[in-house]
Amino acid sequence: MAYRVFIDSNGVEWQAWDVLPKAVERRIGSRRVCREPVAFADRRQSDRRQVEGRWTPLTSGLRDGWLCFDAAGSRRRLMPIPPDWESCDHPELEDYCRSATPVRLPSARRG
């Protein structure tokens, strides 16, 4: 995963990184395996997105990954990932950020 920080023309600091589904699938994988029996019922529910042992895309277009932009209280997603995003200059990265789709943050993260 590549990572960049830039300040846009309004003085807002943005973080940008690429998200690749294969990396996400590794992270979602079953790492929380309890080898000892527990004295209470497991309340976790199976993920409805898992089909026959394989993870399916959350929405179409995400299979090839996306570029995530984050500033305090704001997050955006750009698909597909521009091939030059890791090396382009800051004004071009800002253009990518402006063209990205805003995403709703989880309620626990909102101020």
PDB file of N, CA and C in Angstrom:
ATOM      1  N   MET A   1       0.847  -1.175   0.000  1.00  0.00           N
ATOM      2  CA  MET A   1       0.000   0.000   0.000  1.00  0.00           C
ATOM      3  C   MET A   1       0.890   1.234   0.000  1.00  0.00           C
ATOM      4  N   ALA A   2       0.693   2.086  -0.983  1.00  0.00           N
ATOM      5  CA  ALA A   2       1.398   3.354  -1.048  1.00  0.00           C
ATOM      6  C   ALA A   2       0.626   4.395  -0.233  1.00  0.00           C
ATOM      7  N   TYR A   3       1.326   5.447   0.199  1.00  0.00           N
ATOM      8  CA  TYR A   3       0.725   6.462   1.071  1.00  0.00           C
ATOM      9  C   TYR A   3       1.347   7.820   0.761  1.00  0.00           C
ATOM     10  N   ARG A   4       0.500   8.853   0.657  1.00  0.00           N
ATOM     11  CA  ARG A   4       0.992  10.213   0.432  1.00  0.00           C
ATOM     12  C   ARG A   4       0.199  11.194   1.284  1.00  0.00           C
ATOM     13  N   VAL A   5       0.833  12.296   1.612  1.00  0.00           N
ATOM     14  CA  VAL A   5       0.180  13.401   2.312  1.00  0.00           C
ATOM     15  C   VAL A   5       0.407  14.645   1.475  1.00  0.00           C
ATOM     16  N   PHE A   6      -0.650  15.464   1.315  1.00  0.00           N
ATOM     17  CA  PHE A   6      -0.508  16.707   0.569  1.00  0.00           C
ATOM     18  C   PHE A   6      -1.459  17.747   1.147  1.00  0.00           C
ATOM     19  N   ILE A   7      -1.151  19.000   0.889  1.00  0.00           N
ATOM     20  CA  ILE A   7      -2.002  20.115   1.327  1.00  0.00           C
ATOM     21  C   ILE A   7      -2.629  20.716   0.087  1.00  0.00           C
ATOM     22  N   ASP A   8      -3.973  20.788   0.101  1.00  0.00           N
ATOM     23  CA  ASP A   8      -4.669  21.299  -1.075  1.00  0.00           C
ATOM     24  C   ASP A   8      -4.616  22.831  -1.125  1.00  0.00           C
ATOM     25  N   SER A   9      -5.184  23.412  -2.157  1.00  0.00           N
ATOM     26  CA  SER A   9      -5.116  24.865  -2.361  1.00  0.00           C
ATOM     27  C   SER A   9      -5.895  25.649  -1.307  1.00  0.00           C
ATOM     28  N   ASN A  10      -6.738  24.971  -0.516  1.00  0.00           N
ATOM     29  CA  ASN A  10      -7.456  25.628   0.583  1.00  0.00           C
ATOM     30  C   ASN A  10      -6.728  25.465   1.915  1.00  0.00           C
ATOM     31  N   GLY A  11      -5.558  24.838   1.893  1.00  0.00           N
ATOM     32  CA  GLY A  11      -4.777  24.645   3.111  1.00  0.00           C
ATOM     33  C   GLY A  11      -5.173  23.425   3.925  1.00  0.00           C
ATOM     34  N   VAL A  12      -5.985  22.545   3.357  1.00  0.00           N
ATOM     35  CA  VAL A  12      -6.427  21.331   4.056  1.00  0.00           C
ATOM     36  C   VAL A  12      -5.429  20.214   3.792  1.00  0.00           C
ATOM     37  N   GLU A  13      -4.992  19.559   4.860  1.00  0.00           N
ATOM     38  CA  GLU A  13      -4.067  18.440   4.712  1.00  0.00           C
ATOM     39  C   GLU A  13      -4.849  17.157   4.449  1.00  0.00           C
ATOM     40  N   TRP A  14      -4.492  16.480   3.371  1.00  0.00           N
ATOM     41  CA  TRP A  14      -5.124  15.229   2.962  1.00  0.00           C
ATOM     42  C   TRP A  14      -4.121  14.096   3.025  1.00  0.00           C
ATOM     43  N   GLN A  15      -4.602  12.930   3.369  1.00  0.00           N
ATOM     44  CA  GLN A  15      -3.830  11.708   3.277  1.00  0.00           C
ATOM     45  C   GLN A  15      -4.431  10.910   2.127  1.00  0.00           C
ATOM     46  N   ALA A  16      -3.598  10.262   1.361  1.00  0.00           N
ATOM     47  CA  ALA A  16      -4.068   9.455   0.242  1.00  0.00           C
ATOM     48  C   ALA A  16      -3.362   8.103   0.286  1.00  0.00           C
ATOM     49  N   TRP A  17      -4.141   7.044   0.042  1.00  0.00           N
ATOM     50  CA  TRP A  17      -3.559   5.707  -0.029  1.00  0.00           C
ATOM     51  C   TRP A  17      -4.415   4.834  -0.936  1.00  0.00           C
ATOM     52  N   ASP A  18      -3.775   3.805  -1.481  1.00  0.00           N
ATOM     53  CA  ASP A  18      -4.506   2.893  -2.340  1.00  0.00           C
ATOM     54  C   ASP A  18      -5.016   1.712  -1.523  1.00  0.00           C
ATOM     55  N   VAL A  19      -6.187   1.230  -1.892  1.00  0.00           N
ATOM     56  CA  VAL A  19      -6.798   0.084  -1.240  1.00  0.00           C
ATOM     57  C   VAL A  19      -6.977  -0.984  -2.307  1.00  0.00           C
ATOM     58  N   LEU A  20      -6.366  -2.127  -2.083  1.00  0.00           N
ATOM     59  CA  LEU A  20      -6.435  -3.221  -3.043  1.00  0.00           C
ATOM     60  C   LEU A  20      -7.205  -4.374  -2.425  1.00  0.00           C
ATOM     61  N   PRO A  21      -8.223  -4.903  -3.107  1.00  0.00           N
ATOM     62  CA  PRO A  21      -9.068  -5.951  -2.522  1.00  0.00           C
ATOM     63  C   PRO A  21      -8.315  -7.142  -1.966  1.00  0.00           C
ATOM     64  N   LYS A  22      -7.248  -7.583  -2.613  1.00  0.00           N
ATOM     65  CA  LYS A  22      -6.512  -8.739  -2.098  1.00  0.00           C
ATOM     66  C   LYS A  22      -5.975  -8.450  -0.710  1.00  0.00           C
ATOM     67  N   ALA A  23      -5.469  -7.224  -0.481  1.00  0.00           N
ATOM     68  CA  ALA A  23      -4.978  -6.847   0.840  1.00  0.00           C
ATOM     69  C   ALA A  23      -6.127  -6.810   1.840  1.00  0.00           C
ATOM     70  N   VAL A  24      -7.290  -6.346   1.413  1.00  0.00           N
ATOM     71  CA  VAL A  24      -8.456  -6.302   2.287  1.00  0.00           C
ATOM     72  C   VAL A  24      -8.877  -7.713   2.657  1.00  0.00           C
ATOM     73  N   GLU A  25      -8.895  -8.634   1.696  1.00  0.00           N
ATOM     74  CA  GLU A  25      -9.292 -10.003   1.972  1.00  0.00           C
ATOM     75  C   GLU A  25      -8.351 -10.657   2.985  1.00  0.00           C
ATOM     76  N   ARG A  26      -7.054 -10.365   2.892  1.00  0.00           N
ATOM     77  CA  ARG A  26      -6.111 -10.922   3.865  1.00  0.00           C
ATOM     78  C   ARG A  26      -6.440 -10.398   5.255  1.00  0.00           C
ATOM     79  N   ARG A  27      -6.787  -9.106   5.357  1.00  0.00           N
ATOM     80  CA  ARG A  27      -7.077  -8.512   6.643  1.00  0.00           C
ATOM     81  C   ARG A  27      -8.379  -9.057   7.226  1.00  0.00           C
ATOM     82  N   ILE A  28      -9.374  -9.325   6.364  1.00  0.00           N
ATOM     83  CA  ILE A  28     -10.664  -9.820   6.832  1.00  0.00           C
ATOM     84  C   ILE A  28     -10.577 -11.280   7.239  1.00  0.00           C
ATOM     85  N   GLY A  29      -9.606 -11.989   6.724  1.00  0.00           N
ATOM     86  CA  GLY A  29      -9.475 -13.424   6.986  1.00  0.00           C
ATOM     87  C   GLY A  29      -9.588 -13.773   8.455  1.00  0.00           C
ATOM     88  N   SER A  30      -9.864 -15.009   8.723  1.00  0.00           N
ATOM     89  CA  SER A  30     -10.118 -15.456  10.083  1.00  0.00           C
ATOM     90  C   SER A  30      -8.826 -15.522  10.895  1.00  0.00           C
ATOM     91  N   ARG A  31      -8.476 -14.427  11.553  1.00  0.00           N
ATOM     92  CA  ARG A  31      -7.304 -14.406  12.419  1.00  0.00           C
ATOM     93  C   ARG A  31      -7.710 -14.632  13.868  1.00  0.00           C
ATOM     94  N   ARG A  32      -8.970 -14.455  14.161  1.00  0.00           N
ATOM     95  CA  ARG A  32      -9.439 -14.541  15.543  1.00  0.00           C
ATOM     96  C   ARG A  32      -9.959 -15.937  15.843  1.00  0.00           C
ATOM     97  N   VAL A  33      -9.095 -16.878  15.735  1.00  0.00           N
ATOM     98  CA  VAL A  33      -9.483 -18.256  15.999  1.00  0.00           C
ATOM     99  C   VAL A  33      -9.141 -18.557  17.452  1.00  0.00           C
ATOM    100  N   CYS A  34     -10.156 -18.922  18.188  1.00  0.00           N
ATOM    101  CA  CYS A  34      -9.963 -19.247  19.602  1.00  0.00           C
ATOM    102  C   CYS A  34      -9.751 -20.746  19.724  1.00  0.00           C
ATOM    103  N   ARG A  35      -8.607 -21.140  20.200  1.00  0.00           N
ATOM    104  CA  ARG A  35      -8.295 -22.556  20.300  1.00  0.00           C
ATOM    105  C   ARG A  35      -8.812 -23.169  21.604  1.00  0.00           C
ATOM    106  N   GLU A  36      -9.194 -22.334  22.560  1.00  0.00           N
ATOM    107  CA  GLU A  36      -9.699 -22.840  23.830  1.00  0.00           C
ATOM    108  C   GLU A  36     -11.215 -22.658  23.875  1.00  0.00           C
ATOM    109  N   PRO A  37     -11.935 -23.589  24.456  1.00  0.00           N
ATOM    110  CA  PRO A  37     -13.383 -23.419  24.577  1.00  0.00           C
ATOM    111  C   PRO A  37     -13.695 -22.250  25.507  1.00  0.00           C
ATOM    112  N   VAL A  38     -14.788 -21.550  25.193  1.00  0.00           N
ATOM    113  CA  VAL A  38     -15.197 -20.420  26.029  1.00  0.00           C
ATOM    114  C   VAL A  38     -16.501 -20.768  26.728  1.00  0.00           C
ATOM    115  N   ALA A  39     -16.759 -20.120  27.854  1.00  0.00           N
ATOM    116  CA  ALA A  39     -17.914 -20.445  28.683  1.00  0.00           C
ATOM    117  C   ALA A  39     -19.173 -19.677  28.277  1.00  0.00           C
ATOM    118  N   PHE A  40     -19.150 -19.011  27.148  1.00  0.00           N
ATOM    119  CA  PHE A  40     -20.330 -18.258  26.704  1.00  0.00           C
ATOM    120  C   PHE A  40     -20.526 -18.470  25.209  1.00  0.00           C
ATOM    121  N   ALA A  41     -21.725 -18.194  24.752  1.00  0.00           N
ATOM    122  CA  ALA A  41     -22.053 -18.394  23.338  1.00  0.00           C
ATOM    123  C   ALA A  41     -21.375 -17.342  22.474  1.00  0.00           C
ATOM    124  N   ASP A  42     -20.933 -17.757  21.311  1.00  0.00           N
ATOM    125  CA  ASP A  42     -20.320 -16.838  20.353  1.00  0.00           C
ATOM    126  C   ASP A  42     -21.431 -16.022  19.704  1.00  0.00           C
ATOM    127  N   ARG A  43     -21.387 -14.684  19.866  1.00  0.00           N
ATOM    128  CA  ARG A  43     -22.448 -13.829  19.334  1.00  0.00           C
ATOM    129  C   ARG A  43     -22.124 -13.285  17.947  1.00  0.00           C
ATOM    130  N   ARG A  44     -20.938 -13.595  17.435  1.00  0.00           N
ATOM    131  CA  ARG A  44     -20.601 -13.110  16.099  1.00  0.00           C
ATOM    132  C   ARG A  44     -21.507 -13.762  15.070  1.00  0.00           C
ATOM    133  N   GLN A  45     -21.829 -12.987  14.041  1.00  0.00           N
ATOM    134  CA  GLN A  45     -22.644 -13.532  12.960  1.00  0.00           C
ATOM    135  C   GLN A  45     -21.783 -13.642  11.728  1.00  0.00           C
ATOM    136  N   SER A  46     -22.097 -14.606  10.897  1.00  0.00           N
ATOM    137  CA  SER A  46     -21.302 -14.767   9.687  1.00  0.00           C
ATOM    138  C   SER A  46     -21.521 -13.583   8.770  1.00  0.00           C
ATOM    139  N   ASP A  47     -20.504 -13.254   8.032  1.00  0.00           N
ATOM    140  CA  ASP A  47     -20.576 -12.141   7.094  1.00  0.00           C
ATOM    141  C   ASP A  47     -21.391 -12.571   5.882  1.00  0.00           C
ATOM    142  N   ARG A  48     -22.446 -11.852   5.586  1.00  0.00           N
ATOM    143  CA  ARG A  48     -23.326 -12.214   4.473  1.00  0.00           C
ATOM    144  C   ARG A  48     -22.655 -12.053   3.119  1.00  0.00           C
ATOM    145  N   ARG A  49     -21.539 -11.365   3.068  1.00  0.00           N
ATOM    146  CA  ARG A  49     -20.852 -11.159   1.797  1.00  0.00           C
ATOM    147  C   ARG A  49     -20.023 -12.367   1.395  1.00  0.00           C
ATOM    148  N   GLN A  50     -19.816 -13.296   2.288  1.00  0.00           N
ATOM    149  CA  GLN A  50     -18.997 -14.457   1.964  1.00  0.00           C
ATOM    150  C   GLN A  50     -19.863 -15.518   1.296  1.00  0.00           C
ATOM    151  N   VAL A  51     -19.438 -15.957   0.129  1.00  0.00           N
ATOM    152  CA  VAL A  51     -20.187 -16.949  -0.627  1.00  0.00           C
ATOM    153  C   VAL A  51     -19.247 -18.105  -0.962  1.00  0.00           C
ATOM    154  N   GLU A  52     -19.595 -19.300  -0.527  1.00  0.00           N
ATOM    155  CA  GLU A  52     -18.809 -20.495  -0.807  1.00  0.00           C
ATOM    156  C   GLU A  52     -17.321 -20.296  -0.508  1.00  0.00           C
ATOM    157  N   GLY A  53     -17.012 -19.696   0.631  1.00  0.00           N
ATOM    158  CA  GLY A  53     -15.629 -19.542   1.038  1.00  0.00           C
ATOM    159  C   GLY A  53     -14.869 -18.436   0.323  1.00  0.00           C
ATOM    160  N   ARG A  54     -15.539 -17.672  -0.540  1.00  0.00           N
ATOM    161  CA  ARG A  54     -14.869 -16.593  -1.258  1.00  0.00           C
ATOM    162  C   ARG A  54     -15.551 -15.285  -0.928  1.00  0.00           C
ATOM    163  N   TRP A  55     -14.773 -14.218  -0.863  1.00  0.00           N
ATOM    164  CA  TRP A  55     -15.330 -12.895  -0.594  1.00  0.00           C
ATOM    165  C   TRP A  55     -15.794 -12.292  -1.911  1.00  0.00           C
ATOM    166  N   THR A  56     -16.968 -11.705  -1.884  1.00  0.00           N
ATOM    167  CA  THR A  56     -17.489 -11.045  -3.072  1.00  0.00           C
ATOM    168  C   THR A  56     -17.282  -9.543  -2.926  1.00  0.00           C
ATOM    169  N   PRO A  57     -17.175  -8.807  -4.012  1.00  0.00           N
ATOM    170  CA  PRO A  57     -16.984  -7.364  -3.920  1.00  0.00           C
ATOM    171  C   PRO A  57     -18.155  -6.695  -3.211  1.00  0.00           C
ATOM    172  N   LEU A  58     -17.846  -5.620  -2.480  1.00  0.00           N
ATOM    173  CA  LEU A  58     -18.901  -4.876  -1.795  1.00  0.00           C
ATOM    174  C   LEU A  58     -19.843  -4.247  -2.819  1.00  0.00           C
ATOM    175  N   THR A  59     -19.296  -3.610  -3.810  1.00  0.00           N
ATOM    176  CA  THR A  59     -20.076  -3.050  -4.911  1.00  0.00           C
ATOM    177  C   THR A  59     -19.249  -3.212  -6.168  1.00  0.00           C
ATOM    178  N   SER A  60     -19.917  -3.132  -7.297  1.00  0.00           N
ATOM    179  CA  SER A  60     -19.180  -3.309  -8.548  1.00  0.00           C
ATOM    180  C   SER A  60     -18.152  -2.203  -8.709  1.00  0.00           C
ATOM    181  N   GLY A  61     -17.050  -2.523  -9.327  1.00  0.00           N
ATOM    182  CA  GLY A  61     -15.996  -1.551  -9.550  1.00  0.00           C
ATOM    183  C   GLY A  61     -14.912  -1.566  -8.499  1.00  0.00           C
ATOM    184  N   LEU A  62     -15.171  -2.155  -7.343  1.00  0.00           N
ATOM    185  CA  LEU A  62     -14.175  -2.170  -6.274  1.00  0.00           C
ATOM    186  C   LEU A  62     -13.157  -3.296  -6.442  1.00  0.00           C
ATOM    187  N   ARG A  63     -13.431  -4.225  -7.312  1.00  0.00           N
ATOM    188  CA  ARG A  63     -12.562  -5.395  -7.495  1.00  0.00           C
ATOM    189  C   ARG A  63     -11.118  -4.990  -7.802  1.00  0.00           C
ATOM    190  N   ASP A  64     -10.931  -3.912  -8.567  1.00  0.00           N
ATOM    191  CA  ASP A  64      -9.584  -3.481  -8.947  1.00  0.00           C
ATOM    192  C   ASP A  64      -8.988  -2.467  -7.982  1.00  0.00           C
ATOM    193  N   GLY A  65      -9.679  -2.189  -6.903  1.00  0.00           N
ATOM    194  CA  GLY A  65      -9.175  -1.286  -5.883  1.00  0.00           C
ATOM    195  C   GLY A  65      -9.642   0.146  -6.075  1.00  0.00           C
ATOM    196  N   TRP A  66      -9.267   0.995  -5.126  1.00  0.00           N
ATOM    197  CA  TRP A  66      -9.637   2.397  -5.179  1.00  0.00           C
ATOM    198  C   TRP A  66      -8.597   3.212  -4.450  1.00  0.00           C
ATOM    199  N   LEU A  67      -8.635   4.499  -4.698  1.00  0.00           N
ATOM    200  CA  LEU A  67      -7.740   5.440  -4.038  1.00  0.00           C
ATOM    201  C   LEU A  67      -8.557   6.149  -2.972  1.00  0.00           C
ATOM    202  N   CYS A  68      -8.079   6.138  -1.748  1.00  0.00           N
ATOM    203  CA  CYS A  68      -8.792   6.736  -0.632  1.00  0.00           C
ATOM    204  C   CYS A  68      -8.128   8.056  -0.256  1.00  0.00           C
ATOM    205  N   PHE A  69      -8.943   9.086  -0.072  1.00  0.00           N
ATOM    206  CA  PHE A  69      -8.474  10.398   0.381  1.00  0.00           C
ATOM    207  C   PHE A  69      -9.146  10.676   1.710  1.00  0.00           C
ATOM    208  N   ASP A  70      -8.373  11.155   2.686  1.00  0.00           N
ATOM    209  CA  ASP A  70      -8.926  11.419   4.008  1.00  0.00           C
ATOM    210  C   ASP A  70      -8.374  12.725   4.551  1.00  0.00           C
ATOM    211  N   ALA A  71      -9.288  13.577   4.999  1.00  0.00           N
ATOM    212  CA  ALA A  71      -8.935  14.798   5.732  1.00  0.00           C
ATOM    213  C   ALA A  71      -9.852  14.804   6.936  1.00  0.00           C
ATOM    214  N   ALA A  72      -9.533  15.575   7.946  1.00  0.00           N
ATOM    215  CA  ALA A  72     -10.339  15.589   9.163  1.00  0.00           C
ATOM    216  C   ALA A  72     -11.823  15.718   8.834  1.00  0.00           C
ATOM    217  N   GLY A  73     -12.571  14.651   9.120  1.00  0.00           N
ATOM    218  CA  GLY A  73     -14.010  14.678   8.921  1.00  0.00           C
ATOM    219  C   GLY A  73     -14.488  14.459   7.503  1.00  0.00           C
ATOM    220  N   SER A  74     -13.599  14.168   6.575  1.00  0.00           N
ATOM    221  CA  SER A  74     -13.996  13.971   5.191  1.00  0.00           C
ATOM    222  C   SER A  74     -13.206  12.827   4.576  1.00  0.00           C
ATOM    223  N   ARG A  75     -13.901  11.969   3.851  1.00  0.00           N
ATOM    224  CA  ARG A  75     -13.233  10.862   3.158  1.00  0.00           C
ATOM    225  C   ARG A  75     -13.818  10.755   1.759  1.00  0.00           C
ATOM    226  N   ARG A  76     -12.959  10.438   0.797  1.00  0.00           N
ATOM    227  CA  ARG A  76     -13.362  10.294  -0.595  1.00  0.00           C
ATOM    228  C   ARG A  76     -12.735   9.050  -1.193  1.00  0.00           C
ATOM    229  N   ARG A  77     -13.385   8.531  -2.238  1.00  0.00           N
ATOM    230  CA  ARG A  77     -12.917   7.314  -2.899  1.00  0.00           C
ATOM    231  C   ARG A  77     -12.899   7.551  -4.410  1.00  0.00           C
ATOM    232  N   LEU A  78     -11.777   7.179  -5.042  1.00  0.00           N
ATOM    233  CA  LEU A  78     -11.631   7.331  -6.484  1.00  0.00           C
ATOM    234  C   LEU A  78     -11.343   5.973  -7.105  1.00  0.00           C
ATOM    235  N   MET A  79     -12.168   5.630  -8.105  1.00  0.00           N
ATOM    236  CA  MET A  79     -11.962   4.398  -8.853  1.00  0.00           C
ATOM    237  C   MET A  79     -12.037   4.729 -10.332  1.00  0.00           C
ATOM    238  N   PRO A  80     -11.233   4.113 -11.137  1.00  0.00           N
ATOM    239  CA  PRO A  80     -10.108   3.247 -10.780  1.00  0.00           C
ATOM    240  C   PRO A  80      -8.936   4.078 -10.266  1.00  0.00           C
ATOM    241  N   ILE A  81      -7.940   3.407  -9.745  1.00  0.00           N
ATOM    242  CA  ILE A  81      -6.753   4.084  -9.227  1.00  0.00           C
ATOM    243  C   ILE A  81      -5.952   4.631 -10.403  1.00  0.00           C
ATOM    244  N   PRO A  82      -5.698   5.943 -10.414  1.00  0.00           N
ATOM    245  CA  PRO A  82      -4.883   6.509 -11.500  1.00  0.00           C
ATOM    246  C   PRO A  82      -3.473   5.909 -11.452  1.00  0.00           C
ATOM    247  N   PRO A  83      -2.935   5.503 -12.597  1.00  0.00           N
ATOM    248  CA  PRO A  83      -1.627   4.833 -12.588  1.00  0.00           C
ATOM    249  C   PRO A  83      -0.472   5.699 -12.099  1.00  0.00           C
ATOM    250  N   ASP A  84      -0.605   7.025 -12.191  1.00  0.00           N
ATOM    251  CA  ASP A  84       0.499   7.906 -11.798  1.00  0.00           C
ATOM    252  C   ASP A  84       0.315   8.549 -10.425  1.00  0.00           C
ATOM    253  N   TRP A  85      -0.668   8.122  -9.641  1.00  0.00           N
ATOM    254  CA  TRP A  85      -0.985   8.832  -8.410  1.00  0.00           C
ATOM    255  C   TRP A  85       0.172   8.856  -7.410  1.00  0.00           C
ATOM    256  N   GLU A  86       1.019   7.852  -7.416  1.00  0.00           N
ATOM    257  CA  GLU A  86       2.132   7.801  -6.462  1.00  0.00           C
ATOM    258  C   GLU A  86       3.228   8.816  -6.789  1.00  0.00           C
ATOM    259  N   SER A  87       3.327   9.230  -8.057  1.00  0.00           N
ATOM    260  CA  SER A  87       4.426  10.111  -8.450  1.00  0.00           C
ATOM    261  C   SER A  87       3.978  11.461  -9.003  1.00  0.00           C
ATOM    262  N   CYS A  88       2.670  11.668  -9.195  1.00  0.00           N
ATOM    263  CA  CYS A  88       2.210  12.941  -9.772  1.00  0.00           C
ATOM    264  C   CYS A  88       2.454  14.089  -8.783  1.00  0.00           C
ATOM    265  N   ASP A  89       2.438  15.315  -9.316  1.00  0.00           N
ATOM    266  CA  ASP A  89       2.644  16.465  -8.439  1.00  0.00           C
ATOM    267  C   ASP A  89       1.387  16.738  -7.605  1.00  0.00           C
ATOM    268  N   HIS A  90       1.530  17.565  -6.572  1.00  0.00           N
ATOM    269  CA  HIS A  90       0.429  17.812  -5.647  1.00  0.00           C
ATOM    270  C   HIS A  90      -0.809  18.417  -6.307  1.00  0.00           C
ATOM    271  N   PRO A  91      -0.673  19.374  -7.252  1.00  0.00           N
ATOM    272  CA  PRO A  91      -1.888  19.887  -7.906  1.00  0.00           C
ATOM    273  C   PRO A  91      -2.681  18.792  -8.634  1.00  0.00           C
ATOM    274  N   GLU A  92      -1.993  17.851  -9.265  1.00  0.00           N
ATOM    275  CA  GLU A  92      -2.698  16.775  -9.952  1.00  0.00           C
ATOM    276  C   GLU A  92      -3.350  15.826  -8.947  1.00  0.00           C
ATOM    277  N   LEU A  93      -2.646  15.579  -7.837  1.00  0.00           N
ATOM    278  CA  LEU A  93      -3.225  14.739  -6.786  1.00  0.00           C
ATOM    279  C   LEU A  93      -4.467  15.418  -6.205  1.00  0.00           C
ATOM    280  N   GLU A  94      -4.417  16.729  -6.067  1.00  0.00           N
ATOM    281  CA  GLU A  94      -5.593  17.478  -5.603  1.00  0.00           C
ATOM    282  C   GLU A  94      -6.743  17.348  -6.600  1.00  0.00           C
ATOM    283  N   ASP A  95      -6.454  17.378  -7.896  1.00  0.00           N
ATOM    284  CA  ASP A  95      -7.498  17.175  -8.912  1.00  0.00           C
ATOM    285  C   ASP A  95      -8.133  15.791  -8.765  1.00  0.00           C
ATOM    286  N   TYR A  96      -7.308  14.778  -8.520  1.00  0.00           N
ATOM    287  CA  TYR A  96      -7.850  13.440  -8.295  1.00  0.00           C
ATOM    288  C   TYR A  96      -8.776  13.452  -7.072  1.00  0.00           C
ATOM    289  N   CYS A  97      -8.337  14.123  -6.033  1.00  0.00           N
ATOM    290  CA  CYS A  97      -9.122  14.196  -4.798  1.00  0.00           C
ATOM    291  C   CYS A  97     -10.464  14.888  -5.053  1.00  0.00           C
ATOM    292  N   ARG A  98     -10.448  15.980  -5.784  1.00  0.00           N
ATOM    293  CA  ARG A  98     -11.691  16.709  -6.087  1.00  0.00           C
ATOM    294  C   ARG A  98     -12.647  15.871  -6.923  1.00  0.00           C
ATOM    295  N   SER A  99     -12.120  15.008  -7.780  1.00  0.00           N
ATOM    296  CA  SER A  99     -12.984  14.188  -8.626  1.00  0.00           C
ATOM    297  C   SER A  99     -13.457  12.908  -7.924  1.00  0.00           C
ATOM    298  N   ALA A 100     -12.902  12.639  -6.747  1.00  0.00           N
ATOM    299  CA  ALA A 100     -13.282  11.440  -5.996  1.00  0.00           C
ATOM    300  C   ALA A 100     -14.678  11.601  -5.392  1.00  0.00           C
ATOM    301  N   THR A 101     -15.335  10.483  -5.186  1.00  0.00           N
ATOM    302  CA  THR A 101     -16.683  10.465  -4.623  1.00  0.00           C
ATOM    303  C   THR A 101     -16.621  10.529  -3.100  1.00  0.00           C
ATOM    304  N   PRO A 102     -17.366  11.462  -2.473  1.00  0.00           N
ATOM    305  CA  PRO A 102     -17.407  11.501  -0.997  1.00  0.00           C
ATOM    306  C   PRO A 102     -18.013  10.206  -0.440  1.00  0.00           C
ATOM    307  N   VAL A 103     -17.496   9.763   0.682  1.00  0.00           N
ATOM    308  CA  VAL A 103     -18.000   8.552   1.338  1.00  0.00           C
ATOM    309  C   VAL A 103     -18.408   8.926   2.753  1.00  0.00           C
ATOM    310  N   ARG A 104     -19.457   8.270   3.213  1.00  0.00           N
ATOM    311  CA  ARG A 104     -19.911   8.509   4.581  1.00  0.00           C
ATOM    312  C   ARG A 104     -18.993   7.809   5.557  1.00  0.00           C
ATOM    313  N   LEU A 105     -18.593   8.526   6.599  1.00  0.00           N
ATOM    314  CA  LEU A 105     -17.749   7.924   7.634  1.00  0.00           C
ATOM    315  C   LEU A 105     -18.622   7.144   8.609  1.00  0.00           C
ATOM    316  N   PRO A 106     -18.077   6.113   9.238  1.00  0.00           N
ATOM    317  CA  PRO A 106     -18.838   5.402  10.254  1.00  0.00           C
ATOM    318  C   PRO A 106     -19.255   6.362  11.368  1.00  0.00           C
ATOM    319  N   SER A 107     -20.409   6.152  11.967  1.00  0.00           N
ATOM    320  CA  SER A 107     -20.929   7.080  12.971  1.00  0.00           C
ATOM    321  C   SER A 107     -19.988   7.236  14.163  1.00  0.00           C
ATOM    322  N   ALA A 108     -19.234   6.200  14.506  1.00  0.00           N
ATOM    323  CA  ALA A 108     -18.305   6.293  15.633  1.00  0.00           C
ATOM    324  C   ALA A 108     -17.171   7.261  15.347  1.00  0.00           C
ATOM    325  N   ARG A 109     -16.878   7.529  14.073  1.00  0.00           N
ATOM    326  CA  ARG A 109     -15.770   8.403  13.719  1.00  0.00           C
ATOM    327  C   ARG A 109     -16.178   9.848  13.529  1.00  0.00           C
ATOM    328  N   ARG A 110     -17.472  10.082  13.352  1.00  0.00           N
ATOM    329  CA  ARG A 110     -17.951  11.449  13.151  1.00  0.00           C
ATOM    330  C   ARG A 110     -17.878  12.217  14.446  1.00  0.00           C
ATOM    331  N   GLY A 111     -17.583  13.530  14.312  1.00  0.00           N
ATOM    332  CA  GLY A 111     -17.432  14.390  15.484  1.00  0.00           C
ATOM    333  C   GLY A 111     -18.649  14.575  16.215  1.00  0.00           C
TER     334      GLY A 111
END
